[in-house]
Amino acid sequence: MTGQARLSIAIDAAGTDGGFDVIVDAIKQTLARQPELSAKVLAEASTAGHLASRLSDRAVDIIPCDLALPADMNAAGAIRRGRGSTMWRALEMVKEGEADAVVSGGSTGALMALSRHLLGTLPGVERPALMAAIPSLGRPVWMLDLGANLHVDARRLLEFAQLGNVACTVIEGEKPRIGLLNVGTEPGKGPDVIREAARLIDEDSSLDYAGFIEADQVFTGRVDLVVCDGFAGNVLLKSAEGSVKLLFSRIKSTFQGSLCGWMAKGRLKGLHDSLEPARHNGAPMLGVRGTVIKSHGGTCARGFARALELAALQVKGDMISRLEQQLLSSY
């Protein structure tokens, strides 16, 4: 953390579907709960004044920027044309020690590329990995990678396990049980790369490896961290989100206007809150030299506030230094 009086989070105000309403409400929620935080909000110059009028708090600085990157901006385009953008400047502030963390709801590809370009990566990390939480029968289960690395070798899956191990320890306060996503739990199941990754992860004494885990077992809470390549992780995450939406759509259509629905309203709201994606919003970008949190572009204020609080938690837990130590010890 920098030597500032407050822990400072740089917020890319572009990229959220809900616009400034989401950003403003999330910042107010977060500062009310954690007054030791401060926010540096990066917005296009044409809109910075309007944003400043809605966030008149001494803990908030509005910083005008030349442009905002479009949601469909790819990695190459971000590096070529991103200088002066809200995302670029937010990451630059972390690099220069003006902020402790970045939260952005913008393009994942652009954020990944600019994070690598401006902050660099930790020892041995070729490409950072995205990690996020999904609901289970117990506490949330963390999973990586979620789409940043579609095709990986066994060594890279070991690296994901090591990164996730440290991140989960910081976030949850205890060492996670780690499962490797596969098409079966038997030792001989799955492609060669998965079986080789299992051998490497099992040999690392710093990791609590629980073996292979199938997709349906992820939600039982049998493990705390699921390791997989970005293709499988993204498919599993989107399938889980779609299943939750389907579930509540069916519940609503079945019980709406009925006596049973009215009587169960409180319990159904509690169930909805426990499974709502906003409760688990915020994907740490593990492997870059700085705390970077990717927020879902379509999240609500509650979800964006969750991403801000996750950023603060990682900084307070000194996660970047701990990740570097873990990686250096494995070489």
C-alpha atoms as a PDB file:
ATOM      1  CA  MET A   1       0.000   0.000   0.000  1.00  0.00           C
ATOM      2  CA  THR A   2       1.212   3.530  -0.671  1.00  0.00           C
ATOM      3  CA  GLY A   3       2.091   5.953   2.089  1.00  0.00           C
ATOM      4  CA  GLN A   4      -1.124   7.926   1.686  1.00  0.00           C
ATOM      5  CA  ALA A   5      -3.389   8.507   4.676  1.00  0.00           C
ATOM      6  CA  ARG A   6      -6.152   6.549   2.995  1.00  0.00           C
ATOM      7  CA  LEU A   7      -6.126   3.379   0.945  1.00  0.00           C
ATOM      8  CA  SER A   8      -6.815   4.709  -2.547  1.00  0.00           C
ATOM      9  CA  ILE A   9      -8.708   2.931  -5.332  1.00  0.00           C
ATOM     10  CA  ALA A  10      -8.567   4.166  -8.933  1.00  0.00           C
ATOM     11  CA  ILE A  11     -11.954   3.606 -10.572  1.00  0.00           C
ATOM     12  CA  ASP A  12     -12.434   3.446 -14.326  1.00  0.00           C
ATOM     13  CA  ALA A  13     -15.846   5.130 -14.620  1.00  0.00           C
ATOM     14  CA  ALA A  14     -16.354   3.862 -18.181  1.00  0.00           C
ATOM     15  CA  GLY A  15     -17.598   0.425 -19.205  1.00  0.00           C
ATOM     16  CA  THR A  16     -20.511  -0.235 -16.840  1.00  0.00           C
ATOM     17  CA  ASP A  17     -23.894  -0.733 -18.488  1.00  0.00           C
ATOM     18  CA  GLY A  18     -25.614   1.212 -15.712  1.00  0.00           C
ATOM     19  CA  GLY A  19     -23.443   4.280 -16.262  1.00  0.00           C
ATOM     20  CA  PHE A  20     -22.715   6.813 -13.547  1.00  0.00           C
ATOM     21  CA  ASP A  21     -25.681   5.743 -11.388  1.00  0.00           C
ATOM     22  CA  VAL A  22     -23.922   2.451 -10.666  1.00  0.00           C
ATOM     23  CA  ILE A  23     -20.541   4.086 -10.024  1.00  0.00           C
ATOM     24  CA  VAL A  24     -21.900   6.831  -7.767  1.00  0.00           C
ATOM     25  CA  ASP A  25     -24.083   4.540  -5.661  1.00  0.00           C
ATOM     26  CA  ALA A  26     -21.292   1.961  -5.316  1.00  0.00           C
ATOM     27  CA  ILE A  27     -18.772   4.537  -4.127  1.00  0.00           C
ATOM     28  CA  LYS A  28     -21.220   5.950  -1.590  1.00  0.00           C
ATOM     29  CA  GLN A  29     -22.011   2.449  -0.275  1.00  0.00           C
ATOM     30  CA  THR A  30     -18.336   1.552   0.018  1.00  0.00           C
ATOM     31  CA  LEU A  31     -17.202   4.759   1.730  1.00  0.00           C
ATOM     32  CA  ALA A  32     -20.059   4.499   4.213  1.00  0.00           C
ATOM     33  CA  ARG A  33     -18.855   1.023   5.213  1.00  0.00           C
ATOM     34  CA  GLN A  34     -15.112   1.716   4.954  1.00  0.00           C
ATOM     35  CA  PRO A  35     -14.369   5.399   5.670  1.00  0.00           C
ATOM     36  CA  GLU A  36     -10.622   4.693   5.539  1.00  0.00           C
ATOM     37  CA  LEU A  37     -10.852   4.361   1.750  1.00  0.00           C
ATOM     38  CA  SER A  38     -10.590   7.046  -0.899  1.00  0.00           C
ATOM     39  CA  ALA A  39     -11.600   6.963  -4.554  1.00  0.00           C
ATOM     40  CA  LYS A  40      -9.938   8.449  -7.612  1.00  0.00           C
ATOM     41  CA  VAL A  41     -12.564   8.343 -10.339  1.00  0.00           C
ATOM     42  CA  LEU A  42     -11.348   8.509 -13.943  1.00  0.00           C
ATOM     43  CA  ALA A  43     -13.954   9.887 -16.352  1.00  0.00           C
ATOM     44  CA  GLU A  44     -14.024  11.493 -19.786  1.00  0.00           C
ATOM     45  CA  ALA A  45     -13.482  15.254 -19.574  1.00  0.00           C
ATOM     46  CA  SER A  46     -16.930  15.948 -21.064  1.00  0.00           C
ATOM     47  CA  THR A  47     -18.662  14.096 -18.215  1.00  0.00           C
ATOM     48  CA  ALA A  48     -16.283  14.695 -15.295  1.00  0.00           C
ATOM     49  CA  GLY A  49     -18.106  17.830 -14.146  1.00  0.00           C
ATOM     50  CA  HIS A  50     -21.459  16.064 -13.939  1.00  0.00           C
ATOM     51  CA  LEU A  51     -19.880  13.214 -11.994  1.00  0.00           C
ATOM     52  CA  ALA A  52     -18.186  15.643  -9.597  1.00  0.00           C
ATOM     53  CA  SER A  53     -21.523  17.272  -8.797  1.00  0.00           C
ATOM     54  CA  ARG A  54     -22.869  13.891  -7.650  1.00  0.00           C
ATOM     55  CA  LEU A  55     -19.822  12.875  -5.626  1.00  0.00           C
ATOM     56  CA  SER A  56     -19.030  15.881  -3.464  1.00  0.00           C
ATOM     57  CA  ASP A  57     -17.008  13.982  -0.871  1.00  0.00           C
ATOM     58  CA  ARG A  58     -13.521  14.881   0.339  1.00  0.00           C
ATOM     59  CA  ALA A  59     -12.519  11.248  -0.076  1.00  0.00           C
ATOM     60  CA  VAL A  60     -13.344  11.347  -3.808  1.00  0.00           C
ATOM     61  CA  ASP A  61     -11.253  12.929  -6.573  1.00  0.00           C
ATOM     62  CA  ILE A  62     -12.676  13.190 -10.091  1.00  0.00           C
ATOM     63  CA  ILE A  63      -9.926  13.043 -12.716  1.00  0.00           C
ATOM     64  CA  PRO A  64     -10.815  14.038 -16.300  1.00  0.00           C
ATOM     65  CA  CYS A  65      -9.332  11.943 -19.125  1.00  0.00           C
ATOM     66  CA  ASP A  66      -9.156  12.302 -22.894  1.00  0.00           C
ATOM     67  CA  LEU A  67     -11.316   9.309 -23.790  1.00  0.00           C
ATOM     68  CA  ALA A  68     -12.999   6.078 -22.685  1.00  0.00           C
ATOM     69  CA  LEU A  69     -12.265   2.788 -24.423  1.00  0.00           C
ATOM     70  CA  PRO A  70     -15.295   1.129 -26.052  1.00  0.00           C
ATOM     71  CA  ALA A  71     -16.587  -2.106 -24.532  1.00  0.00           C
ATOM     72  CA  ASP A  72     -15.514  -4.101 -27.576  1.00  0.00           C
ATOM     73  CA  MET A  73     -11.951  -2.763 -27.644  1.00  0.00           C
ATOM     74  CA  ASN A  74      -9.465  -5.590 -28.197  1.00  0.00           C
ATOM     75  CA  ALA A  75      -6.023  -5.988 -26.674  1.00  0.00           C
ATOM     76  CA  ALA A  76      -4.011  -4.672 -29.614  1.00  0.00           C
ATOM     77  CA  GLY A  77      -6.284  -1.672 -30.062  1.00  0.00           C
ATOM     78  CA  ALA A  78      -6.057  -0.800 -26.364  1.00  0.00           C
ATOM     79  CA  ILE A  79      -2.278  -0.619 -26.489  1.00  0.00           C
ATOM     80  CA  ARG A  80      -2.204   1.353 -29.753  1.00  0.00           C
ATOM     81  CA  ARG A  81      -5.027   3.785 -29.001  1.00  0.00           C
ATOM     82  CA  GLY A  82      -5.573   3.583 -25.255  1.00  0.00           C
ATOM     83  CA  ARG A  83      -3.124   6.239 -24.033  1.00  0.00           C
ATOM     84  CA  GLY A  84      -5.000   8.958 -22.176  1.00  0.00           C
ATOM     85  CA  SER A  85      -8.078   6.796 -21.617  1.00  0.00           C
ATOM     86  CA  THR A  86      -9.781   6.271 -18.266  1.00  0.00           C
ATOM     87  CA  MET A  87      -8.503   2.680 -18.104  1.00  0.00           C
ATOM     88  CA  TRP A  88      -4.946   3.581 -19.075  1.00  0.00           C
ATOM     89  CA  ARG A  89      -4.752   6.428 -16.559  1.00  0.00           C
ATOM     90  CA  ALA A  90      -6.214   4.298 -13.737  1.00  0.00           C
ATOM     91  CA  LEU A  91      -3.538   1.634 -14.242  1.00  0.00           C
ATOM     92  CA  GLU A  92      -0.870   4.313 -14.609  1.00  0.00           C
ATOM     93  CA  MET A  93      -1.837   5.691 -11.194  1.00  0.00           C
ATOM     94  CA  VAL A  94      -1.093   2.322  -9.592  1.00  0.00           C
ATOM     95  CA  LYS A  95       2.206   2.102 -11.465  1.00  0.00           C
ATOM     96  CA  GLU A  96       3.214   5.573 -10.243  1.00  0.00           C
ATOM     97  CA  GLY A  97       2.078   4.959  -6.647  1.00  0.00           C
ATOM     98  CA  GLU A  98      -0.821   7.405  -6.821  1.00  0.00           C
ATOM     99  CA  ALA A  99      -3.360   4.648  -6.121  1.00  0.00           C
ATOM    100  CA  ASP A 100      -3.250   1.225  -4.472  1.00  0.00           C
ATOM    101  CA  ALA A 101      -5.651  -0.657  -6.747  1.00  0.00           C
ATOM    102  CA  VAL A 102      -7.741  -0.426  -9.928  1.00  0.00           C
ATOM    103  CA  VAL A 103     -11.365  -1.443 -10.483  1.00  0.00           C
ATOM    104  CA  SER A 104     -12.789  -1.422 -14.011  1.00  0.00           C
ATOM    105  CA  GLY A 105     -15.919  -2.719 -15.707  1.00  0.00           C
ATOM    106  CA  GLY A 106     -14.457  -2.159 -19.165  1.00  0.00           C
ATOM    107  CA  SER A 107     -13.272  -4.583 -21.832  1.00  0.00           C
ATOM    108  CA  THR A 108     -11.600  -7.646 -20.305  1.00  0.00           C
ATOM    109  CA  GLY A 109      -9.174  -7.962 -23.211  1.00  0.00           C
ATOM    110  CA  ALA A 110      -8.193  -4.301 -22.999  1.00  0.00           C
ATOM    111  CA  LEU A 111      -7.777  -4.436 -19.223  1.00  0.00           C
ATOM    112  CA  MET A 112      -5.623  -7.567 -19.482  1.00  0.00           C
ATOM    113  CA  ALA A 113      -3.415  -6.065 -22.196  1.00  0.00           C
ATOM    114  CA  LEU A 114      -2.952  -2.689 -20.520  1.00  0.00           C
ATOM    115  CA  SER A 115      -2.315  -4.279 -17.115  1.00  0.00           C
ATOM    116  CA  ARG A 116       0.510  -6.336 -18.604  1.00  0.00           C
ATOM    117  CA  HIS A 117       1.797  -3.388 -20.618  1.00  0.00           C
ATOM    118  CA  LEU A 118       1.801  -0.818 -17.822  1.00  0.00           C
ATOM    119  CA  LEU A 119       2.293  -2.879 -14.648  1.00  0.00           C
ATOM    120  CA  GLY A 120       4.218  -5.906 -15.912  1.00  0.00           C
ATOM    121  CA  THR A 121       3.838  -9.443 -14.605  1.00  0.00           C
ATOM    122  CA  LEU A 122       5.146 -11.364 -11.616  1.00  0.00           C
ATOM    123  CA  PRO A 123       8.070 -13.822 -11.981  1.00  0.00           C
ATOM    124  CA  GLY A 124       7.361 -16.573 -14.503  1.00  0.00           C
ATOM    125  CA  VAL A 125       3.847 -15.369 -15.376  1.00  0.00           C
ATOM    126  CA  GLU A 126       3.306 -15.139 -19.133  1.00  0.00           C
ATOM    127  CA  ARG A 127      -0.378 -14.232 -19.023  1.00  0.00           C
ATOM    128  CA  PRO A 128      -2.401 -13.203 -15.961  1.00  0.00           C
ATOM    129  CA  ALA A 129      -5.447 -15.242 -14.934  1.00  0.00           C
ATOM    130  CA  LEU A 130      -8.912 -14.076 -13.890  1.00  0.00           C
ATOM    131  CA  MET A 131     -10.414 -15.557 -10.735  1.00  0.00           C
ATOM    132  CA  ALA A 132     -14.005 -15.203  -9.536  1.00  0.00           C
ATOM    133  CA  ALA A 133     -16.352 -16.650  -6.927  1.00  0.00           C
ATOM    134  CA  ILE A 134     -19.458 -18.688  -7.658  1.00  0.00           C
ATOM    135  CA  PRO A 135     -22.112 -19.812  -5.140  1.00  0.00           C
ATOM    136  CA  SER A 136     -22.132 -23.310  -3.650  1.00  0.00           C
ATOM    137  CA  LEU A 137     -23.929 -25.191  -0.871  1.00  0.00           C
ATOM    138  CA  GLY A 138     -21.352 -23.781   1.539  1.00  0.00           C
ATOM    139  CA  ARG A 139     -19.323 -20.634   1.148  1.00  0.00           C
ATOM    140  CA  PRO A 140     -18.509 -19.335  -2.360  1.00  0.00           C
ATOM    141  CA  VAL A 141     -16.114 -21.395  -4.480  1.00  0.00           C
ATOM    142  CA  TRP A 142     -13.327 -19.560  -6.304  1.00  0.00           C
ATOM    143  CA  MET A 143     -12.380 -20.538  -9.834  1.00  0.00           C
ATOM    144  CA  LEU A 144      -9.623 -19.672 -12.314  1.00  0.00           C
ATOM    145  CA  ASP A 145      -9.035 -19.110 -15.150  1.00  0.00           C
ATOM    146  CA  LEU A 146     -12.233 -17.568 -16.484  1.00  0.00           C
ATOM    147  CA  GLY A 147     -11.316 -16.817 -20.078  1.00  0.00           C
ATOM    148  CA  ALA A 148      -8.002 -14.997 -20.203  1.00  0.00           C
ATOM    149  CA  ASN A 149      -6.076 -18.158 -21.155  1.00  0.00           C
ATOM    150  CA  LEU A 150      -8.049 -20.484 -23.434  1.00  0.00           C
ATOM    151  CA  HIS A 151      -5.296 -23.057 -24.072  1.00  0.00           C
ATOM    152  CA  VAL A 152      -2.709 -23.827 -21.387  1.00  0.00           C
ATOM    153  CA  ASP A 153      -0.160 -26.512 -20.564  1.00  0.00           C
ATOM    154  CA  ALA A 154       0.233 -28.432 -17.314  1.00  0.00           C
ATOM    155  CA  ARG A 155       2.817 -26.015 -15.925  1.00  0.00           C
ATOM    156  CA  ARG A 156       0.422 -23.124 -16.407  1.00  0.00           C
ATOM    157  CA  LEU A 157      -2.344 -24.968 -14.542  1.00  0.00           C
ATOM    158  CA  LEU A 158       0.096 -25.462 -11.661  1.00  0.00           C
ATOM    159  CA  GLU A 159       0.764 -21.721 -11.744  1.00  0.00           C
ATOM    160  CA  PHE A 160      -2.992 -21.048 -11.568  1.00  0.00           C
ATOM    161  CA  ALA A 161      -3.202 -23.283  -8.493  1.00  0.00           C
ATOM    162  CA  GLN A 162      -0.352 -21.375  -6.848  1.00  0.00           C
ATOM    163  CA  LEU A 163      -1.819 -17.968  -7.645  1.00  0.00           C
ATOM    164  CA  GLY A 164      -5.283 -19.009  -6.502  1.00  0.00           C
ATOM    165  CA  ASN A 165      -3.901 -20.556  -3.324  1.00  0.00           C
ATOM    166  CA  VAL A 166      -2.416 -17.246  -2.176  1.00  0.00           C
ATOM    167  CA  ALA A 167      -5.400 -15.179  -3.331  1.00  0.00           C
ATOM    168  CA  CYS A 168      -7.937 -17.375  -1.518  1.00  0.00           C
ATOM    169  CA  THR A 169      -5.827 -17.337   1.648  1.00  0.00           C
ATOM    170  CA  VAL A 170      -5.872 -13.521   1.619  1.00  0.00           C
ATOM    171  CA  ILE A 171      -9.564 -13.208   0.770  1.00  0.00           C
ATOM    172  CA  GLU A 172     -11.014 -16.028   2.885  1.00  0.00           C
ATOM    173  CA  GLY A 173      -8.440 -16.112   5.663  1.00  0.00           C
ATOM    174  CA  GLU A 174      -7.489 -19.758   5.254  1.00  0.00           C
ATOM    175  CA  LYS A 175      -5.766 -22.082   2.826  1.00  0.00           C
ATOM    176  CA  PRO A 176      -8.117 -23.467   0.157  1.00  0.00           C
ATOM    177  CA  ARG A 177      -8.754 -27.078  -0.830  1.00  0.00           C
ATOM    178  CA  ILE A 178      -7.941 -27.219  -4.530  1.00  0.00           C
ATOM    179  CA  GLY A 179      -9.733 -29.255  -7.191  1.00  0.00           C
ATOM    180  CA  LEU A 180      -8.678 -29.680 -10.823  1.00  0.00           C
ATOM    181  CA  LEU A 181     -11.664 -29.600 -13.213  1.00  0.00           C
ATOM    182  CA  ASN A 182     -11.959 -32.812 -15.225  1.00  0.00           C
ATOM    183  CA  VAL A 183     -14.524 -35.078 -16.904  1.00  0.00           C
ATOM    184  CA  GLY A 184     -14.249 -37.632 -14.089  1.00  0.00           C
ATOM    185  CA  THR A 185     -12.676 -38.101 -10.678  1.00  0.00           C
ATOM    186  CA  GLU A 186     -10.731 -41.297 -11.418  1.00  0.00           C
ATOM    187  CA  PRO A 187      -6.921 -40.833 -11.738  1.00  0.00           C
ATOM    188  CA  GLY A 188      -6.816 -42.083 -15.338  1.00  0.00           C
ATOM    189  CA  LYS A 189      -9.586 -39.777 -16.620  1.00  0.00           C
ATOM    190  CA  GLY A 190      -9.096 -36.735 -18.835  1.00  0.00           C
ATOM    191  CA  PRO A 191      -6.547 -35.538 -21.410  1.00  0.00           C
ATOM    192  CA  ASP A 192      -2.793 -35.816 -20.902  1.00  0.00           C
ATOM    193  CA  VAL A 193      -2.398 -32.151 -19.960  1.00  0.00           C
ATOM    194  CA  ILE A 194      -4.891 -32.489 -17.086  1.00  0.00           C
ATOM    195  CA  ARG A 195      -3.299 -35.652 -15.722  1.00  0.00           C
ATOM    196  CA  GLU A 196       0.166 -34.069 -15.881  1.00  0.00           C
ATOM    197  CA  ALA A 197      -1.141 -30.948 -14.133  1.00  0.00           C
ATOM    198  CA  ALA A 198      -2.597 -33.149 -11.392  1.00  0.00           C
ATOM    199  CA  ARG A 199       0.822 -34.711 -10.829  1.00  0.00           C
ATOM    200  CA  LEU A 200       2.533 -31.294 -10.592  1.00  0.00           C
ATOM    201  CA  ILE A 201      -0.079 -29.811  -8.256  1.00  0.00           C
ATOM    202  CA  ASP A 202      -0.002 -32.900  -6.030  1.00  0.00           C
ATOM    203  CA  GLU A 203       3.796 -32.664  -5.754  1.00  0.00           C
ATOM    204  CA  ASP A 204       3.674 -29.048  -4.527  1.00  0.00           C
ATOM    205  CA  SER A 205       3.662 -29.376  -0.740  1.00  0.00           C
ATOM    206  CA  SER A 206       2.398 -25.799  -0.312  1.00  0.00           C
ATOM    207  CA  LEU A 207      -0.926 -26.731  -1.905  1.00  0.00           C
ATOM    208  CA  ASP A 208      -3.850 -28.653  -0.387  1.00  0.00           C
ATOM    209  CA  TYR A 209      -4.814 -30.717  -3.438  1.00  0.00           C
ATOM    210  CA  ALA A 210      -8.117 -32.630  -3.267  1.00  0.00           C
ATOM    211  CA  GLY A 211      -7.938 -34.274  -6.710  1.00  0.00           C
ATOM    212  CA  PHE A 212     -10.120 -34.077  -9.808  1.00  0.00           C
ATOM    213  CA  ILE A 213     -13.551 -32.500  -9.587  1.00  0.00           C
ATOM    214  CA  GLU A 214     -16.434 -32.706 -12.077  1.00  0.00           C
ATOM    215  CA  ALA A 215     -18.501 -29.687 -13.064  1.00  0.00           C
ATOM    216  CA  ASP A 216     -21.590 -30.683 -11.068  1.00  0.00           C
ATOM    217  CA  GLN A 217     -19.461 -31.152  -7.923  1.00  0.00           C
ATOM    218  CA  VAL A 218     -18.196 -27.566  -8.055  1.00  0.00           C
ATOM    219  CA  PHE A 219     -21.438 -26.318  -6.496  1.00  0.00           C
ATOM    220  CA  THR A 220     -21.391 -28.803  -3.605  1.00  0.00           C
ATOM    221  CA  GLY A 221     -18.548 -27.000  -1.852  1.00  0.00           C
ATOM    222  CA  ARG A 222     -16.273 -30.065  -1.901  1.00  0.00           C
ATOM    223  CA  VAL A 223     -13.367 -27.773  -2.746  1.00  0.00           C
ATOM    224  CA  ASP A 224     -12.684 -24.059  -2.209  1.00  0.00           C
ATOM    225  CA  LEU A 225     -10.743 -23.391  -5.416  1.00  0.00           C
ATOM    226  CA  VAL A 226     -11.305 -24.881  -8.870  1.00  0.00           C
ATOM    227  CA  VAL A 227      -8.424 -24.795 -11.363  1.00  0.00           C
ATOM    228  CA  CYS A 228      -9.098 -25.044 -15.113  1.00  0.00           C
ATOM    229  CA  ASP A 229      -8.200 -23.482 -18.441  1.00  0.00           C
ATOM    230  CA  GLY A 230      -9.968 -20.310 -19.521  1.00  0.00           C
ATOM    231  CA  PHE A 231     -12.250 -22.026 -22.016  1.00  0.00           C
ATOM    232  CA  ALA A 232     -13.710 -24.483 -19.507  1.00  0.00           C
ATOM    233  CA  GLY A 233     -13.844 -21.855 -16.765  1.00  0.00           C
ATOM    234  CA  ASN A 234     -15.724 -19.341 -18.869  1.00  0.00           C
ATOM    235  CA  VAL A 235     -18.237 -21.956 -20.040  1.00  0.00           C
ATOM    236  CA  LEU A 236     -18.835 -23.164 -16.480  1.00  0.00           C
ATOM    237  CA  LEU A 237     -19.220 -19.624 -15.118  1.00  0.00           C
ATOM    238  CA  LYS A 238     -21.674 -18.529 -17.815  1.00  0.00           C
ATOM    239  CA  SER A 239     -23.635 -21.770 -17.414  1.00  0.00           C
ATOM    240  CA  ALA A 240     -23.937 -21.148 -13.679  1.00  0.00           C
ATOM    241  CA  GLU A 241     -25.129 -17.575 -14.228  1.00  0.00           C
ATOM    242  CA  GLY A 242     -27.675 -18.739 -16.802  1.00  0.00           C
ATOM    243  CA  SER A 243     -28.952 -21.473 -14.500  1.00  0.00           C
ATOM    244  CA  VAL A 244     -29.533 -18.971 -11.687  1.00  0.00           C
ATOM    245  CA  LYS A 245     -31.469 -16.683 -14.036  1.00  0.00           C
ATOM    246  CA  LEU A 246     -33.563 -19.616 -15.254  1.00  0.00           C
ATOM    247  CA  LEU A 247     -34.270 -20.748 -11.700  1.00  0.00           C
ATOM    248  CA  PHE A 248     -35.576 -17.382 -10.528  1.00  0.00           C
ATOM    249  CA  SER A 249     -37.500 -16.768 -13.717  1.00  0.00           C
ATOM    250  CA  ARG A 250     -39.353 -20.048 -13.195  1.00  0.00           C
ATOM    251  CA  ILE A 251     -39.930 -19.346  -9.499  1.00  0.00           C
ATOM    252  CA  LYS A 252     -41.334 -15.909 -10.304  1.00  0.00           C
ATOM    253  CA  SER A 253     -43.679 -17.175 -13.007  1.00  0.00           C
ATOM    254  CA  THR A 254     -44.860 -20.051 -10.790  1.00  0.00           C
ATOM    255  CA  PHE A 255     -45.561 -18.144  -7.564  1.00  0.00           C
ATOM    256  CA  GLN A 256     -46.296 -14.586  -8.733  1.00  0.00           C
ATOM    257  CA  GLY A 257     -49.675 -13.445  -7.443  1.00  0.00           C
ATOM    258  CA  SER A 258     -50.271 -16.594  -5.391  1.00  0.00           C
ATOM    259  CA  LEU A 259     -50.755 -16.990  -1.655  1.00  0.00           C
ATOM    260  CA  CYS A 260     -47.778 -19.377  -1.484  1.00  0.00           C
ATOM    261  CA  GLY A 261     -45.590 -16.790  -3.183  1.00  0.00           C
ATOM    262  CA  TRP A 262     -46.686 -14.080  -0.751  1.00  0.00           C
ATOM    263  CA  MET A 263     -46.032 -16.314   2.267  1.00  0.00           C
ATOM    264  CA  ALA A 264     -42.606 -17.349   0.981  1.00  0.00           C
ATOM    265  CA  LYS A 265     -41.578 -13.864  -0.165  1.00  0.00           C
ATOM    266  CA  GLY A 266     -39.025 -13.330   2.601  1.00  0.00           C
ATOM    267  CA  ARG A 267     -37.359 -16.706   2.143  1.00  0.00           C
ATOM    268  CA  LEU A 268     -37.302 -16.361  -1.633  1.00  0.00           C
ATOM    269  CA  LYS A 269     -35.638 -12.947  -1.321  1.00  0.00           C
ATOM    270  CA  GLY A 270     -33.001 -14.461   0.940  1.00  0.00           C
ATOM    271  CA  LEU A 271     -32.401 -17.234  -1.588  1.00  0.00           C
ATOM    272  CA  HIS A 272     -32.152 -14.703  -4.415  1.00  0.00           C
ATOM    273  CA  ASP A 273     -29.648 -12.576  -2.491  1.00  0.00           C
ATOM    274  CA  SER A 274     -27.445 -15.589  -1.749  1.00  0.00           C
ATOM    275  CA  LEU A 275     -27.271 -16.621  -5.414  1.00  0.00           C
ATOM    276  CA  GLU A 276     -27.352 -13.232  -7.140  1.00  0.00           C
ATOM    277  CA  PRO A 277     -24.214 -12.670  -9.260  1.00  0.00           C
ATOM    278  CA  ALA A 278     -23.751  -9.177  -7.763  1.00  0.00           C
ATOM    279  CA  ARG A 279     -22.935 -10.758  -4.411  1.00  0.00           C
ATOM    280  CA  HIS A 280     -19.931 -12.458  -6.007  1.00  0.00           C
ATOM    281  CA  ASN A 281     -18.880  -9.689  -8.421  1.00  0.00           C
ATOM    282  CA  GLY A 282     -15.233  -8.802  -8.853  1.00  0.00           C
ATOM    283  CA  ALA A 283     -12.581 -10.917 -10.568  1.00  0.00           C
ATOM    284  CA  PRO A 284      -8.989 -10.403  -9.395  1.00  0.00           C
ATOM    285  CA  MET A 285      -6.473 -10.330 -12.236  1.00  0.00           C
ATOM    286  CA  LEU A 286      -3.762 -12.530 -10.776  1.00  0.00           C
ATOM    287  CA  GLY A 287      -0.189 -12.346 -12.020  1.00  0.00           C
ATOM    288  CA  VAL A 288       0.245  -8.626 -12.733  1.00  0.00           C
ATOM    289  CA  ARG A 289       2.336  -6.346 -10.508  1.00  0.00           C
ATOM    290  CA  GLY A 290      -0.591  -4.524  -9.007  1.00  0.00           C
ATOM    291  CA  THR A 291      -4.074  -5.050  -7.638  1.00  0.00           C
ATOM    292  CA  VAL A 292      -6.490  -5.053 -10.585  1.00  0.00           C
ATOM    293  CA  ILE A 293     -10.153  -6.067 -10.247  1.00  0.00           C
ATOM    294  CA  LYS A 294     -12.378  -6.717 -13.261  1.00  0.00           C
ATOM    295  CA  SER A 295     -16.014  -5.893 -12.507  1.00  0.00           C
ATOM    296  CA  HIS A 296     -18.820  -7.329 -14.615  1.00  0.00           C
ATOM    297  CA  GLY A 297     -19.935  -4.604 -17.017  1.00  0.00           C
ATOM    298  CA  GLY A 298     -23.601  -5.336 -16.359  1.00  0.00           C
ATOM    299  CA  THR A 299     -23.443  -5.362 -12.562  1.00  0.00           C
ATOM    300  CA  CYS A 300     -25.527  -3.202 -10.257  1.00  0.00           C
ATOM    301  CA  ALA A 301     -24.276  -0.750  -7.614  1.00  0.00           C
ATOM    302  CA  ARG A 302     -24.177  -3.503  -5.013  1.00  0.00           C
ATOM    303  CA  GLY A 303     -21.994  -5.607  -7.297  1.00  0.00           C
ATOM    304  CA  PHE A 304     -19.602  -2.766  -8.126  1.00  0.00           C
ATOM    305  CA  ALA A 305     -19.304  -1.980  -4.423  1.00  0.00           C
ATOM    306  CA  ARG A 306     -18.359  -5.626  -3.875  1.00  0.00           C
ATOM    307  CA  ALA A 307     -15.556  -5.209  -6.436  1.00  0.00           C
ATOM    308  CA  LEU A 308     -14.289  -2.086  -4.650  1.00  0.00           C
ATOM    309  CA  GLU A 309     -14.285  -3.869  -1.300  1.00  0.00           C
ATOM    310  CA  LEU A 310     -12.475  -6.849  -2.818  1.00  0.00           C
ATOM    311  CA  ALA A 311      -9.765  -4.506  -4.124  1.00  0.00           C
ATOM    312  CA  ALA A 312      -9.321  -3.004  -0.662  1.00  0.00           C
ATOM    313  CA  LEU A 313      -9.153  -6.455   0.934  1.00  0.00           C
ATOM    314  CA  GLN A 314      -6.389  -7.552  -1.411  1.00  0.00           C
ATOM    315  CA  VAL A 315      -4.309  -4.448  -0.753  1.00  0.00           C
ATOM    316  CA  LYS A 316      -4.716  -4.800   3.014  1.00  0.00           C
ATOM    317  CA  GLY A 317      -3.661  -8.459   2.730  1.00  0.00           C
ATOM    318  CA  ASP A 318      -0.492  -7.499   0.794  1.00  0.00           C
ATOM    319  CA  MET A 319      -1.488 -10.009  -1.862  1.00  0.00           C
ATOM    320  CA  ILE A 320       0.926  -8.916  -4.606  1.00  0.00           C
ATOM    321  CA  SER A 321       3.999  -9.439  -2.412  1.00  0.00           C
ATOM    322  CA  ARG A 322       2.677 -12.784  -1.237  1.00  0.00           C
ATOM    323  CA  LEU A 323       2.001 -13.909  -4.802  1.00  0.00           C
ATOM    324  CA  GLU A 324       5.534 -12.967  -5.807  1.00  0.00           C
ATOM    325  CA  GLN A 325       7.015 -14.912  -2.901  1.00  0.00           C
ATOM    326  CA  GLN A 326       4.941 -17.983  -3.838  1.00  0.00           C
ATOM    327  CA  LEU A 327       6.064 -17.843  -7.462  1.00  0.00           C
ATOM    328  CA  LEU A 328       9.733 -17.275  -6.618  1.00  0.00           C
ATOM    329  CA  SER A 329       9.734 -20.239  -4.230  1.00  0.00           C
ATOM    330  CA  SER A 330       8.500 -22.536  -7.007  1.00  0.00           C
ATOM    331  CA  TYR A 331      11.441 -21.843  -9.311  1.00  0.00           C
END
